Amino acid sequence: MLFIDGDHSYAACRNDLKNWQRHLATGARILGHDAVPASGVERAVVEFCRERGSRAAVLPLPSAHYIWEALPPGAEPRPGWRFI
């Protein structure tokens, strides 16, 4: 599992996802922090998932700091989470 909570710009998040992906085992879970709606983080995560043929989900609560997960292809979000 990888949890990303770095620089919150679009470019930095895309670079984190790209650079860490090659170090993960097949099927590893990727989660992160601060996928605030319409933010650079949300955009980067959605693009990353689309390129992998999957989708992302977020826990849409400000108190949870918009924690996100890059889901494996075909997976559904956890209860209380929604696709982004």
Protein backbone atom coordinates (compact mmCIF):
# COMPACT_ATOMS: atom_id res chain seq x y z
CA MET A 1 0.00 0.00 0.00
CA LEU A 2 1.10 3.53 -0.79
CA PHE A 3 -0.30 6.64 0.89
CA ILE A 4 0.52 9.93 -0.84
CA ASP A 5 0.24 13.24 1.01
CA GLY A 6 2.75 15.51 -0.67
CA ASP A 7 2.63 18.82 -2.47
CA HIS A 8 -1.00 19.47 -3.39
CA SER A 9 -0.41 20.87 -6.87
CA TYR A 10 -1.55 18.98 -9.96
CA ALA A 11 2.00 18.56 -11.30
CA ALA A 12 3.44 17.31 -8.01
CA CYS A 13 0.64 14.79 -7.50
CA ARG A 14 1.02 13.47 -11.07
CA ASN A 15 4.76 13.10 -10.52
CA ASP A 16 4.24 11.28 -7.19
CA LEU A 17 1.83 8.83 -8.82
CA LYS A 18 4.10 8.25 -11.81
CA ASN A 19 7.29 7.91 -9.79
CA TRP A 20 5.88 5.60 -7.10
CA GLN A 21 3.84 3.34 -9.38
CA ARG A 22 6.88 1.41 -10.60
CA HIS A 23 7.79 0.50 -7.01
CA LEU A 24 4.43 -1.11 -6.21
CA ALA A 25 3.51 -4.76 -6.41
CA THR A 26 0.69 -5.74 -8.75
CA GLY A 27 -2.62 -5.04 -7.04
CA ALA A 28 -1.09 -2.74 -4.42
CA ARG A 29 -3.47 -0.15 -3.01
CA ILE A 30 -2.79 3.54 -3.64
CA LEU A 31 -4.44 6.04 -1.33
CA GLY A 32 -3.85 9.69 -0.66
CA HIS A 33 -4.95 12.88 0.95
CA ASP A 34 -6.67 16.11 -0.05
CA ALA A 35 -8.63 15.29 -3.22
CA VAL A 36 -10.74 18.38 -2.61
CA PRO A 37 -13.38 18.77 -5.37
CA ALA A 38 -12.01 20.55 -8.47
CA SER A 39 -8.45 20.56 -7.05
CA GLY A 40 -5.21 19.66 -8.77
CA VAL A 41 -4.97 16.53 -6.63
CA GLU A 42 -8.42 15.32 -7.71
CA ARG A 43 -7.62 16.00 -11.38
CA ALA A 44 -4.26 14.19 -11.18
CA VAL A 45 -5.77 11.14 -9.48
CA VAL A 46 -8.66 10.90 -11.96
CA GLU A 47 -6.28 11.14 -14.95
CA PHE A 48 -3.91 8.58 -13.45
CA CYS A 49 -6.75 6.12 -12.94
CA ARG A 50 -8.19 6.63 -16.42
CA GLU A 51 -4.79 5.88 -17.93
CA ARG A 52 -4.75 2.59 -15.97
CA GLY A 53 -8.31 1.68 -17.01
CA SER A 54 -9.66 2.17 -13.50
CA ARG A 55 -11.42 4.77 -11.41
CA ALA A 56 -10.81 6.67 -8.21
CA ALA A 57 -13.00 7.05 -5.15
CA VAL A 58 -13.03 9.64 -2.40
CA LEU A 59 -14.40 9.81 1.12
CA PRO A 60 -16.28 13.09 0.55
CA LEU A 61 -16.04 14.52 4.03
CA PRO A 62 -13.97 17.63 4.78
CA SER A 63 -13.24 16.18 8.22
CA ALA A 64 -11.62 13.18 6.44
CA HIS A 65 -9.56 15.59 4.33
CA TYR A 66 -10.95 14.05 1.14
CA ILE A 67 -8.97 10.81 1.34
CA TRP A 68 -8.86 9.14 -2.08
CA GLU A 69 -8.12 5.67 -3.40
CA ALA A 70 -7.04 4.56 -6.87
CA LEU A 71 -9.25 1.51 -7.29
CA PRO A 72 -8.27 -1.64 -9.16
CA PRO A 73 -10.14 -2.04 -12.48
CA GLY A 74 -13.75 -3.11 -11.88
CA ALA A 75 -13.71 -2.36 -8.14
CA GLU A 76 -16.49 -0.48 -6.41
CA PRO A 77 -15.97 2.26 -3.81
CA ARG A 78 -16.10 1.40 -0.12
CA PRO A 79 -19.38 2.18 1.71
CA GLY A 80 -19.69 5.95 2.18
CA TRP A 81 -17.17 6.70 -0.56
CA ARG A 82 -18.03 7.92 -4.07
CA PHE A 83 -16.39 7.81 -7.49
CA ILE A 84 -14.56 10.94 -8.59
